[in-house]
Amino acid sequence: MAQVGYRLEELTRALRGRELTDLRIAGVSEPPDLVLDNHAVFLEFEGTIVRFEGPRDVLGMRIDIVESFGVSSWWDLEDDDVVLSVGLLENAVHQAPCGAEYLRLWSPLVVDGVLVVAAAEFEFPPKREAARFNFSTSALFIDPCYHWGVRFGGSDARDACFRNRPELVDAPQTVLELAG
């Protein structure tokens, strides 16, 4: 449990008081631009990049701070016609950046030194910041167990996740305070 606490503190220190400035997805694509499966979501907070990578060998989403937008080398590509790619979501984060107030993590644990969670949700200040996202709420929910990979969105994504995985409703949650 000490490892979990350390990883949570490390993540909190890296994100506290920083504004979300970029959101990208990484996945398998078939050229030229069609993303087929989302393997990871990247959120950049003023130069600090956090990767939320979908499950491959563990049941959960890996969260780690990375130097650049890219996926782990353990993703195998069996089809020669597809490539790993990272795309910018131009309409997800509007021109003005915004800071998260909280990060909620479901069932956090550490596997091989990496923080792993069942789901994650950033909560942004209501009303004032909500309009900066093209989502239905001021929250950004990240679900690693969607059929096509990592899904993200507002309350609609959270509701769909809980319908598909009802055990998460009562799963242990950890809330990190990020407001600076």
N, C-alpha and C. Protein backbone atom coordinates (compact mmCIF):
# COMPACT_ATOMS: atom_id res chain seq x y z
N MET A 1 0.82 -1.20 0.00
CA MET A 1 0.00 0.00 0.00
C MET A 1 0.86 1.26 0.00
N ALA A 2 2.09 1.17 0.52
CA ALA A 2 2.98 2.32 0.53
C ALA A 2 3.32 2.76 -0.89
N GLN A 3 3.47 1.79 -1.82
CA GLN A 3 3.75 2.13 -3.21
C GLN A 3 2.60 2.93 -3.82
N VAL A 4 1.36 2.55 -3.50
CA VAL A 4 0.20 3.27 -4.03
C VAL A 4 0.23 4.70 -3.53
N GLY A 5 0.46 4.88 -2.24
CA GLY A 5 0.51 6.23 -1.67
C GLY A 5 1.59 7.07 -2.31
N TYR A 6 2.75 6.49 -2.54
CA TYR A 6 3.85 7.22 -3.17
C TYR A 6 3.48 7.64 -4.58
N ARG A 7 2.91 6.73 -5.37
CA ARG A 7 2.53 7.04 -6.76
C ARG A 7 1.44 8.11 -6.80
N LEU A 8 0.50 8.06 -5.86
CA LEU A 8 -0.56 9.06 -5.80
C LEU A 8 0.01 10.44 -5.45
N GLU A 9 0.93 10.48 -4.51
CA GLU A 9 1.57 11.75 -4.14
C GLU A 9 2.38 12.31 -5.31
N GLU A 10 3.08 11.44 -6.01
CA GLU A 10 3.87 11.85 -7.17
C GLU A 10 2.97 12.46 -8.25
N LEU A 11 1.84 11.84 -8.52
CA LEU A 11 0.90 12.35 -9.51
C LEU A 11 0.30 13.68 -9.06
N THR A 12 -0.05 13.78 -7.80
CA THR A 12 -0.62 15.02 -7.26
C THR A 12 0.38 16.16 -7.38
N ARG A 13 1.62 15.92 -6.99
CA ARG A 13 2.65 16.97 -7.09
C ARG A 13 2.84 17.43 -8.54
N ALA A 14 2.79 16.50 -9.47
CA ALA A 14 3.02 16.83 -10.88
C ALA A 14 1.88 17.66 -11.48
N LEU A 15 0.66 17.49 -10.98
CA LEU A 15 -0.50 18.14 -11.60
C LEU A 15 -1.08 19.30 -10.81
N ARG A 16 -0.77 19.39 -9.54
CA ARG A 16 -1.39 20.42 -8.69
C ARG A 16 -1.11 21.82 -9.23
N GLY A 17 -2.19 22.59 -9.41
CA GLY A 17 -2.09 23.97 -9.84
C GLY A 17 -1.79 24.18 -11.32
N ARG A 18 -1.69 23.12 -12.09
CA ARG A 18 -1.39 23.24 -13.52
C ARG A 18 -2.69 23.19 -14.34
N GLU A 19 -2.66 23.86 -15.48
CA GLU A 19 -3.82 23.89 -16.35
C GLU A 19 -3.69 22.89 -17.49
N LEU A 20 -4.83 22.29 -17.86
CA LEU A 20 -4.86 21.36 -18.98
C LEU A 20 -4.67 22.15 -20.27
N THR A 21 -3.63 21.81 -21.02
CA THR A 21 -3.31 22.56 -22.23
C THR A 21 -3.40 21.71 -23.51
N ASP A 22 -3.48 20.39 -23.39
CA ASP A 22 -3.54 19.54 -24.57
C ASP A 22 -4.15 18.21 -24.22
N LEU A 23 -4.86 17.61 -25.17
CA LEU A 23 -5.43 16.29 -25.02
C LEU A 23 -5.23 15.56 -26.35
N ARG A 24 -4.60 14.39 -26.28
CA ARG A 24 -4.33 13.60 -27.50
C ARG A 24 -4.70 12.15 -27.26
N ILE A 25 -4.95 11.45 -28.36
CA ILE A 25 -5.20 10.01 -28.26
C ILE A 25 -4.14 9.28 -29.07
N ALA A 26 -3.85 8.07 -28.67
CA ALA A 26 -2.94 7.21 -29.41
C ALA A 26 -3.65 5.90 -29.67
N GLY A 27 -3.48 5.38 -30.85
CA GLY A 27 -4.13 4.12 -31.16
C GLY A 27 -3.60 3.53 -32.45
N VAL A 28 -4.21 2.44 -32.82
CA VAL A 28 -3.87 1.78 -34.06
C VAL A 28 -4.68 2.46 -35.15
N SER A 29 -4.01 2.88 -36.20
CA SER A 29 -4.73 3.53 -37.30
C SER A 29 -4.35 2.88 -38.62
N GLU A 30 -5.27 3.03 -39.55
CA GLU A 30 -5.04 2.56 -40.90
C GLU A 30 -4.87 3.80 -41.75
N PRO A 31 -3.70 4.00 -42.32
CA PRO A 31 -3.44 5.23 -43.06
C PRO A 31 -4.54 5.51 -44.09
N PRO A 32 -4.89 6.79 -44.28
CA PRO A 32 -4.12 7.93 -43.84
C PRO A 32 -4.43 8.40 -42.42
N ASP A 33 -5.67 8.46 -41.96
CA ASP A 33 -5.94 9.10 -40.68
C ASP A 33 -6.94 8.41 -39.78
N LEU A 34 -7.48 7.29 -40.13
CA LEU A 34 -8.56 6.67 -39.37
C LEU A 34 -8.02 5.96 -38.13
N VAL A 35 -8.42 6.43 -36.93
CA VAL A 35 -8.03 5.75 -35.69
C VAL A 35 -9.01 4.62 -35.45
N LEU A 36 -8.52 3.40 -35.35
CA LEU A 36 -9.38 2.24 -35.18
C LEU A 36 -9.60 1.89 -33.71
N ASP A 37 -8.55 1.89 -32.94
CA ASP A 37 -8.63 1.55 -31.52
C ASP A 37 -7.82 2.57 -30.74
N ASN A 38 -8.41 3.12 -29.69
CA ASN A 38 -7.69 4.06 -28.83
C ASN A 38 -6.97 3.29 -27.74
N HIS A 39 -5.66 3.27 -27.77
CA HIS A 39 -4.89 2.56 -26.76
C HIS A 39 -4.52 3.45 -25.58
N ALA A 40 -4.49 4.75 -25.81
CA ALA A 40 -4.07 5.66 -24.74
C ALA A 40 -4.67 7.04 -24.95
N VAL A 41 -4.84 7.74 -23.84
CA VAL A 41 -5.23 9.14 -23.85
C VAL A 41 -4.12 9.89 -23.13
N PHE A 42 -3.68 11.00 -23.71
CA PHE A 42 -2.66 11.83 -23.11
C PHE A 42 -3.27 13.17 -22.72
N LEU A 43 -3.01 13.60 -21.51
CA LEU A 43 -3.40 14.93 -21.07
C LEU A 43 -2.13 15.67 -20.71
N GLU A 44 -1.97 16.87 -21.27
CA GLU A 44 -0.81 17.67 -20.94
C GLU A 44 -1.24 18.84 -20.07
N PHE A 45 -0.57 18.96 -18.94
CA PHE A 45 -0.82 20.04 -17.99
C PHE A 45 0.42 20.92 -17.94
N GLU A 46 0.43 21.97 -18.76
CA GLU A 46 1.55 22.92 -18.80
C GLU A 46 2.91 22.22 -18.87
N GLY A 47 3.08 21.35 -19.83
CA GLY A 47 4.36 20.68 -20.03
C GLY A 47 4.49 19.32 -19.37
N THR A 48 3.63 18.99 -18.42
CA THR A 48 3.65 17.67 -17.80
C THR A 48 2.64 16.79 -18.53
N ILE A 49 3.13 15.71 -19.13
CA ILE A 49 2.28 14.82 -19.93
C ILE A 49 1.95 13.57 -19.11
N VAL A 50 0.65 13.31 -18.96
CA VAL A 50 0.19 12.12 -18.25
C VAL A 50 -0.45 11.18 -19.27
N ARG A 51 0.03 9.94 -19.29
CA ARG A 51 -0.50 8.93 -20.21
C ARG A 51 -1.44 8.00 -19.44
N PHE A 52 -2.65 7.84 -19.97
CA PHE A 52 -3.63 6.89 -19.46
C PHE A 52 -3.72 5.79 -20.52
N GLU A 53 -3.08 4.66 -20.25
CA GLU A 53 -2.95 3.61 -21.26
C GLU A 53 -3.83 2.43 -20.91
N GLY A 54 -4.57 1.96 -21.90
CA GLY A 54 -5.52 0.87 -21.71
C GLY A 54 -4.88 -0.44 -21.33
N PRO A 55 -5.70 -1.37 -20.86
CA PRO A 55 -5.19 -2.65 -20.38
C PRO A 55 -4.67 -3.51 -21.52
N ARG A 56 -3.61 -4.22 -21.24
CA ARG A 56 -3.06 -5.18 -22.18
C ARG A 56 -2.71 -6.46 -21.42
N ASP A 57 -1.95 -6.29 -20.35
CA ASP A 57 -1.55 -7.47 -19.57
C ASP A 57 -2.07 -7.41 -18.13
N VAL A 58 -2.77 -6.33 -17.79
CA VAL A 58 -3.37 -6.20 -16.47
C VAL A 58 -4.80 -5.70 -16.66
N LEU A 59 -5.66 -5.96 -15.69
CA LEU A 59 -7.04 -5.48 -15.78
C LEU A 59 -7.09 -4.09 -15.15
N GLY A 60 -6.85 -3.10 -15.95
CA GLY A 60 -6.87 -1.73 -15.48
C GLY A 60 -6.10 -0.83 -16.41
N MET A 61 -6.12 0.44 -16.09
CA MET A 61 -5.49 1.45 -16.92
C MET A 61 -4.21 1.92 -16.24
N ARG A 62 -3.12 1.91 -16.98
CA ARG A 62 -1.83 2.37 -16.47
C ARG A 62 -1.80 3.89 -16.54
N ILE A 63 -1.34 4.53 -15.47
CA ILE A 63 -1.19 5.99 -15.45
C ILE A 63 0.26 6.28 -15.15
N ASP A 64 0.91 7.02 -16.04
CA ASP A 64 2.28 7.41 -15.76
C ASP A 64 2.59 8.75 -16.41
N ILE A 65 3.59 9.40 -15.87
CA ILE A 65 4.07 10.67 -16.40
C ILE A 65 5.16 10.35 -17.40
N VAL A 66 5.03 10.90 -18.61
CA VAL A 66 5.94 10.56 -19.69
C VAL A 66 6.58 11.82 -20.28
N GLU A 67 7.63 11.63 -21.03
CA GLU A 67 8.36 12.74 -21.64
C GLU A 67 7.74 13.21 -22.95
N SER A 68 7.04 12.29 -23.66
CA SER A 68 6.49 12.65 -24.97
C SER A 68 5.22 11.85 -25.23
N PHE A 69 4.52 12.23 -26.30
CA PHE A 69 3.30 11.54 -26.69
C PHE A 69 3.67 10.29 -27.46
N GLY A 70 3.52 9.12 -26.84
CA GLY A 70 3.83 7.85 -27.49
C GLY A 70 3.30 6.72 -26.63
N VAL A 71 3.13 5.55 -27.22
CA VAL A 71 2.60 4.40 -26.49
C VAL A 71 3.73 3.45 -26.13
N SER A 72 3.46 2.59 -25.18
CA SER A 72 4.45 1.61 -24.74
C SER A 72 4.84 0.69 -25.89
N SER A 73 6.05 0.22 -25.84
CA SER A 73 6.56 -0.64 -26.91
C SER A 73 5.94 -2.04 -26.89
N TRP A 74 5.17 -2.37 -25.82
CA TRP A 74 4.64 -3.72 -25.76
C TRP A 74 3.38 -3.91 -26.59
N TRP A 75 2.90 -2.87 -27.31
CA TRP A 75 1.75 -3.07 -28.20
C TRP A 75 2.25 -3.78 -29.45
N ASP A 76 1.68 -4.94 -29.71
CA ASP A 76 2.07 -5.73 -30.88
C ASP A 76 1.17 -5.39 -32.06
N LEU A 77 1.78 -5.23 -33.21
CA LEU A 77 1.02 -4.99 -34.43
C LEU A 77 1.17 -6.22 -35.31
N GLU A 78 0.06 -6.93 -35.51
CA GLU A 78 0.10 -8.15 -36.30
C GLU A 78 -0.23 -7.89 -37.77
N ASP A 79 -0.85 -6.76 -38.06
CA ASP A 79 -1.27 -6.43 -39.42
C ASP A 79 -0.31 -5.39 -40.00
N ASP A 80 0.28 -5.67 -41.13
CA ASP A 80 1.23 -4.75 -41.75
C ASP A 80 0.59 -3.46 -42.25
N ASP A 81 -0.73 -3.44 -42.38
CA ASP A 81 -1.43 -2.27 -42.93
C ASP A 81 -1.79 -1.23 -41.88
N VAL A 82 -1.53 -1.51 -40.61
CA VAL A 82 -1.88 -0.55 -39.56
C VAL A 82 -0.62 -0.07 -38.86
N VAL A 83 -0.72 1.13 -38.28
CA VAL A 83 0.40 1.72 -37.57
C VAL A 83 -0.09 2.33 -36.27
N LEU A 84 0.82 2.48 -35.31
CA LEU A 84 0.50 3.22 -34.10
C LEU A 84 0.61 4.70 -34.42
N SER A 85 -0.36 5.48 -33.98
CA SER A 85 -0.32 6.91 -34.26
C SER A 85 -0.89 7.68 -33.08
N VAL A 86 -0.51 8.95 -33.00
CA VAL A 86 -1.00 9.84 -31.95
C VAL A 86 -1.64 11.03 -32.64
N GLY A 87 -2.87 11.37 -32.21
CA GLY A 87 -3.59 12.47 -32.83
C GLY A 87 -4.01 13.52 -31.84
N LEU A 88 -4.00 14.76 -32.27
CA LEU A 88 -4.45 15.88 -31.46
C LEU A 88 -5.95 16.03 -31.64
N LEU A 89 -6.66 16.23 -30.54
CA LEU A 89 -8.09 16.46 -30.60
C LEU A 89 -8.33 17.97 -30.53
N GLU A 90 -8.41 18.60 -31.68
CA GLU A 90 -8.46 20.05 -31.74
C GLU A 90 -9.63 20.67 -31.00
N ASN A 91 -10.76 20.00 -30.98
CA ASN A 91 -11.95 20.59 -30.37
C ASN A 91 -12.16 20.19 -28.92
N ALA A 92 -11.32 19.34 -28.37
CA ALA A 92 -11.53 18.89 -27.00
C ALA A 92 -11.13 19.95 -25.99
N VAL A 93 -10.00 20.59 -26.20
CA VAL A 93 -9.55 21.66 -25.32
C VAL A 93 -9.58 22.95 -26.12
N HIS A 94 -10.36 23.89 -25.67
CA HIS A 94 -10.48 25.16 -26.39
C HIS A 94 -9.25 26.02 -26.17
N GLN A 95 -9.23 27.18 -26.75
CA GLN A 95 -8.06 28.04 -26.71
C GLN A 95 -7.56 28.34 -25.30
N ALA A 96 -8.48 28.60 -24.40
CA ALA A 96 -8.07 28.94 -23.03
C ALA A 96 -7.91 27.66 -22.20
N PRO A 97 -6.73 27.42 -21.64
CA PRO A 97 -6.53 26.24 -20.81
C PRO A 97 -7.30 26.37 -19.49
N CYS A 98 -7.48 25.25 -18.81
CA CYS A 98 -8.18 25.28 -17.53
C CYS A 98 -7.55 24.25 -16.59
N GLY A 99 -7.69 24.49 -15.29
CA GLY A 99 -7.12 23.61 -14.29
C GLY A 99 -8.16 22.70 -13.67
N ALA A 100 -7.78 21.48 -13.38
CA ALA A 100 -8.67 20.52 -12.72
C ALA A 100 -8.67 20.78 -11.22
N GLU A 101 -9.84 20.59 -10.61
CA GLU A 101 -9.93 20.71 -9.15
C GLU A 101 -9.59 19.39 -8.47
N TYR A 102 -10.07 18.28 -9.07
CA TYR A 102 -9.89 16.96 -8.46
C TYR A 102 -9.62 15.92 -9.53
N LEU A 103 -8.96 14.85 -9.12
CA LEU A 103 -8.80 13.65 -9.94
C LEU A 103 -9.29 12.48 -9.09
N ARG A 104 -10.35 11.83 -9.56
CA ARG A 104 -10.93 10.67 -8.86
C ARG A 104 -10.43 9.40 -9.55
N LEU A 105 -9.90 8.47 -8.76
CA LEU A 105 -9.37 7.21 -9.28
C LEU A 105 -10.12 6.04 -8.65
N TRP A 106 -10.58 5.11 -9.46
CA TRP A 106 -11.27 3.93 -8.97
C TRP A 106 -10.29 2.78 -8.82
N SER A 107 -10.28 2.16 -7.65
CA SER A 107 -9.47 0.97 -7.34
C SER A 107 -7.99 1.11 -7.69
N PRO A 108 -7.32 2.14 -7.16
CA PRO A 108 -5.90 2.31 -7.50
C PRO A 108 -5.02 1.23 -6.86
N LEU A 109 -4.03 0.76 -7.62
CA LEU A 109 -3.02 -0.16 -7.11
C LEU A 109 -1.77 0.02 -7.94
N VAL A 110 -0.67 -0.58 -7.52
CA VAL A 110 0.58 -0.48 -8.25
C VAL A 110 0.94 -1.86 -8.78
N VAL A 111 1.23 -1.94 -10.08
CA VAL A 111 1.66 -3.17 -10.73
C VAL A 111 2.99 -2.89 -11.41
N ASP A 112 4.02 -3.62 -11.02
CA ASP A 112 5.36 -3.44 -11.59
C ASP A 112 5.81 -1.98 -11.52
N GLY A 113 5.51 -1.31 -10.42
CA GLY A 113 5.94 0.06 -10.20
C GLY A 113 5.11 1.12 -10.88
N VAL A 114 4.04 0.73 -11.58
CA VAL A 114 3.19 1.68 -12.30
C VAL A 114 1.81 1.73 -11.66
N LEU A 115 1.26 2.94 -11.52
CA LEU A 115 -0.08 3.11 -10.98
C LEU A 115 -1.09 2.57 -11.98
N VAL A 116 -2.02 1.72 -11.50
CA VAL A 116 -3.07 1.12 -12.33
C VAL A 116 -4.41 1.38 -11.66
N VAL A 117 -5.40 1.82 -12.44
CA VAL A 117 -6.73 2.11 -11.91
C VAL A 117 -7.79 1.48 -12.80
N ALA A 118 -8.99 1.34 -12.26
CA ALA A 118 -10.11 0.80 -13.03
C ALA A 118 -10.75 1.87 -13.90
N ALA A 119 -10.68 3.13 -13.48
CA ALA A 119 -11.21 4.27 -14.24
C ALA A 119 -10.69 5.54 -13.57
N ALA A 120 -10.81 6.66 -14.27
CA ALA A 120 -10.35 7.94 -13.74
C ALA A 120 -11.28 9.05 -14.20
N GLU A 121 -11.36 10.11 -13.38
CA GLU A 121 -12.20 11.25 -13.75
C GLU A 121 -11.60 12.54 -13.21
N PHE A 122 -11.36 13.48 -14.10
CA PHE A 122 -10.95 14.82 -13.72
C PHE A 122 -12.19 15.67 -13.54
N GLU A 123 -12.24 16.44 -12.45
CA GLU A 123 -13.34 17.36 -12.23
C GLU A 123 -12.82 18.78 -12.35
N PHE A 124 -13.45 19.55 -13.24
CA PHE A 124 -13.08 20.93 -13.47
C PHE A 124 -14.09 21.84 -12.81
N PRO A 125 -13.74 23.10 -12.57
CA PRO A 125 -14.69 24.02 -11.94
C PRO A 125 -15.99 24.09 -12.74
N PRO A 126 -17.13 24.03 -12.07
CA PRO A 126 -18.41 24.04 -12.78
C PRO A 126 -18.67 25.37 -13.47
N LYS A 127 -19.49 25.30 -14.47
CA LYS A 127 -19.98 26.44 -15.25
C LYS A 127 -18.88 27.23 -15.93
N ARG A 128 -18.03 27.90 -15.21
CA ARG A 128 -17.02 28.76 -15.80
C ARG A 128 -16.11 27.98 -16.74
N GLU A 129 -15.68 26.78 -16.34
CA GLU A 129 -14.75 26.00 -17.15
C GLU A 129 -15.45 24.96 -18.02
N ALA A 130 -16.70 24.61 -17.69
CA ALA A 130 -17.38 23.53 -18.41
C ALA A 130 -17.50 23.82 -19.90
N ALA A 131 -17.67 25.06 -20.27
CA ALA A 131 -17.85 25.43 -21.67
C ALA A 131 -16.57 25.23 -22.48
N ARG A 132 -15.46 25.02 -21.83
CA ARG A 132 -14.20 24.86 -22.56
C ARG A 132 -14.02 23.46 -23.13
N PHE A 133 -14.89 22.53 -22.73
CA PHE A 133 -14.85 21.18 -23.25
C PHE A 133 -16.05 20.93 -24.13
N ASN A 134 -15.91 20.05 -25.09
CA ASN A 134 -17.06 19.64 -25.89
C ASN A 134 -17.69 18.40 -25.26
N PHE A 135 -17.86 18.42 -23.95
CA PHE A 135 -18.50 17.34 -23.24
C PHE A 135 -19.71 17.90 -22.51
N SER A 136 -20.56 17.01 -22.00
CA SER A 136 -21.82 17.43 -21.41
C SER A 136 -21.68 17.95 -19.99
N THR A 137 -20.52 17.78 -19.37
CA THR A 137 -20.34 18.23 -17.99
C THR A 137 -18.95 18.85 -17.86
N SER A 138 -18.63 19.30 -16.65
CA SER A 138 -17.30 19.84 -16.40
C SER A 138 -16.34 18.75 -15.92
N ALA A 139 -16.68 17.50 -16.18
CA ALA A 139 -15.82 16.38 -15.80
C ALA A 139 -15.31 15.69 -17.07
N LEU A 140 -14.12 15.14 -16.98
CA LEU A 140 -13.54 14.35 -18.05
C LEU A 140 -13.31 12.95 -17.50
N PHE A 141 -14.10 11.99 -17.95
CA PHE A 141 -14.05 10.61 -17.47
C PHE A 141 -13.25 9.77 -18.47
N ILE A 142 -12.38 8.90 -17.95
CA ILE A 142 -11.56 8.03 -18.80
C ILE A 142 -11.83 6.58 -18.41
N ASP A 143 -12.33 5.81 -19.37
CA ASP A 143 -12.72 4.41 -19.17
C ASP A 143 -11.82 3.51 -20.02
N PRO A 144 -11.01 2.64 -19.40
CA PRO A 144 -10.08 1.81 -20.17
C PRO A 144 -10.70 0.54 -20.75
N CYS A 145 -11.93 0.23 -20.42
CA CYS A 145 -12.49 -1.07 -20.81
C CYS A 145 -13.57 -0.97 -21.88
N TYR A 146 -13.55 0.08 -22.66
CA TYR A 146 -14.48 0.23 -23.77
C TYR A 146 -14.08 -0.75 -24.86
N HIS A 147 -15.04 -1.23 -25.61
CA HIS A 147 -14.78 -2.25 -26.63
C HIS A 147 -13.69 -1.83 -27.62
N TRP A 148 -13.65 -0.55 -28.02
CA TRP A 148 -12.69 -0.07 -29.01
C TRP A 148 -11.46 0.56 -28.37
N GLY A 149 -11.24 0.33 -27.10
CA GLY A 149 -10.06 0.89 -26.44
C GLY A 149 -10.44 1.83 -25.33
N VAL A 150 -9.59 2.81 -25.08
CA VAL A 150 -9.82 3.78 -24.02
C VAL A 150 -10.85 4.80 -24.51
N ARG A 151 -11.92 4.97 -23.73
CA ARG A 151 -12.96 5.95 -24.06
C ARG A 151 -12.87 7.10 -23.07
N PHE A 152 -13.12 8.29 -23.55
CA PHE A 152 -13.16 9.44 -22.66
C PHE A 152 -14.32 10.33 -23.05
N GLY A 153 -14.80 11.07 -22.08
CA GLY A 153 -15.92 11.97 -22.33
C GLY A 153 -16.44 12.51 -21.02
N GLY A 154 -17.62 13.04 -21.04
CA GLY A 154 -18.24 13.61 -19.85
C GLY A 154 -19.07 12.58 -19.10
N SER A 155 -20.19 13.04 -18.57
CA SER A 155 -21.03 12.15 -17.77
C SER A 155 -21.59 11.00 -18.60
N ASP A 156 -21.75 11.19 -19.91
CA ASP A 156 -22.24 10.11 -20.76
C ASP A 156 -21.26 8.93 -20.77
N ALA A 157 -19.97 9.20 -20.82
CA ALA A 157 -18.97 8.13 -20.79
C ALA A 157 -18.96 7.44 -19.42
N ARG A 158 -19.09 8.22 -18.35
CA ARG A 158 -19.13 7.64 -17.00
C ARG A 158 -20.35 6.75 -16.84
N ASP A 159 -21.52 7.23 -17.26
CA ASP A 159 -22.75 6.45 -17.14
C ASP A 159 -22.67 5.15 -17.92
N ALA A 160 -22.12 5.20 -19.12
CA ALA A 160 -21.97 3.99 -19.93
C ALA A 160 -21.01 3.00 -19.27
N CYS A 161 -19.93 3.51 -18.70
CA CYS A 161 -18.97 2.64 -18.00
C CYS A 161 -19.64 1.94 -16.83
N PHE A 162 -20.39 2.69 -16.04
CA PHE A 162 -21.05 2.10 -14.87
C PHE A 162 -22.15 1.11 -15.27
N ARG A 163 -22.80 1.34 -16.39
CA ARG A 163 -23.79 0.36 -16.88
C ARG A 163 -23.09 -0.94 -17.27
N ASN A 164 -21.94 -0.82 -17.94
CA ASN A 164 -21.20 -2.00 -18.39
C ASN A 164 -20.39 -2.67 -17.29
N ARG A 165 -20.03 -1.90 -16.27
CA ARG A 165 -19.22 -2.42 -15.17
C ARG A 165 -19.81 -1.96 -13.84
N PRO A 166 -20.97 -2.50 -13.45
CA PRO A 166 -21.67 -2.03 -12.25
C PRO A 166 -20.87 -2.20 -10.96
N GLU A 167 -19.87 -3.07 -10.95
CA GLU A 167 -19.04 -3.25 -9.75
C GLU A 167 -18.25 -1.98 -9.42
N LEU A 168 -18.06 -1.10 -10.38
CA LEU A 168 -17.31 0.13 -10.12
C LEU A 168 -18.07 1.14 -9.28
N VAL A 169 -19.39 1.05 -9.31
CA VAL A 169 -20.21 2.01 -8.55
C VAL A 169 -19.80 2.01 -7.07
N ASP A 170 -19.56 0.82 -6.52
CA ASP A 170 -19.19 0.70 -5.10
C ASP A 170 -17.70 0.41 -4.89
N ALA A 171 -16.91 0.49 -5.95
CA ALA A 171 -15.46 0.21 -5.82
C ALA A 171 -14.78 1.32 -5.02
N PRO A 172 -13.67 1.01 -4.36
CA PRO A 172 -12.94 2.03 -3.61
C PRO A 172 -12.48 3.16 -4.54
N GLN A 173 -12.60 4.37 -4.04
CA GLN A 173 -12.17 5.55 -4.81
C GLN A 173 -11.18 6.36 -4.00
N THR A 174 -10.25 6.94 -4.72
CA THR A 174 -9.30 7.87 -4.12
C THR A 174 -9.45 9.19 -4.87
N VAL A 175 -9.56 10.29 -4.13
CA VAL A 175 -9.71 11.60 -4.74
C VAL A 175 -8.48 12.43 -4.42
N LEU A 176 -7.82 12.92 -5.48
CA LEU A 176 -6.64 13.75 -5.34
C LEU A 176 -7.05 15.20 -5.57
N GLU A 177 -6.67 16.08 -4.65
CA GLU A 177 -6.98 17.50 -4.80
C GLU A 177 -5.89 18.15 -5.63
N LEU A 178 -6.29 18.76 -6.74
CA LEU A 178 -5.33 19.33 -7.67
C LEU A 178 -5.37 20.86 -7.74
N ALA A 179 -6.40 21.47 -7.17
CA ALA A 179 -6.50 22.93 -7.23
C ALA A 179 -5.29 23.54 -6.53
N GLY A 180 -4.72 24.55 -7.18
CA GLY A 180 -3.46 25.07 -6.73
C GLY A 180 -3.48 26.13 -5.71
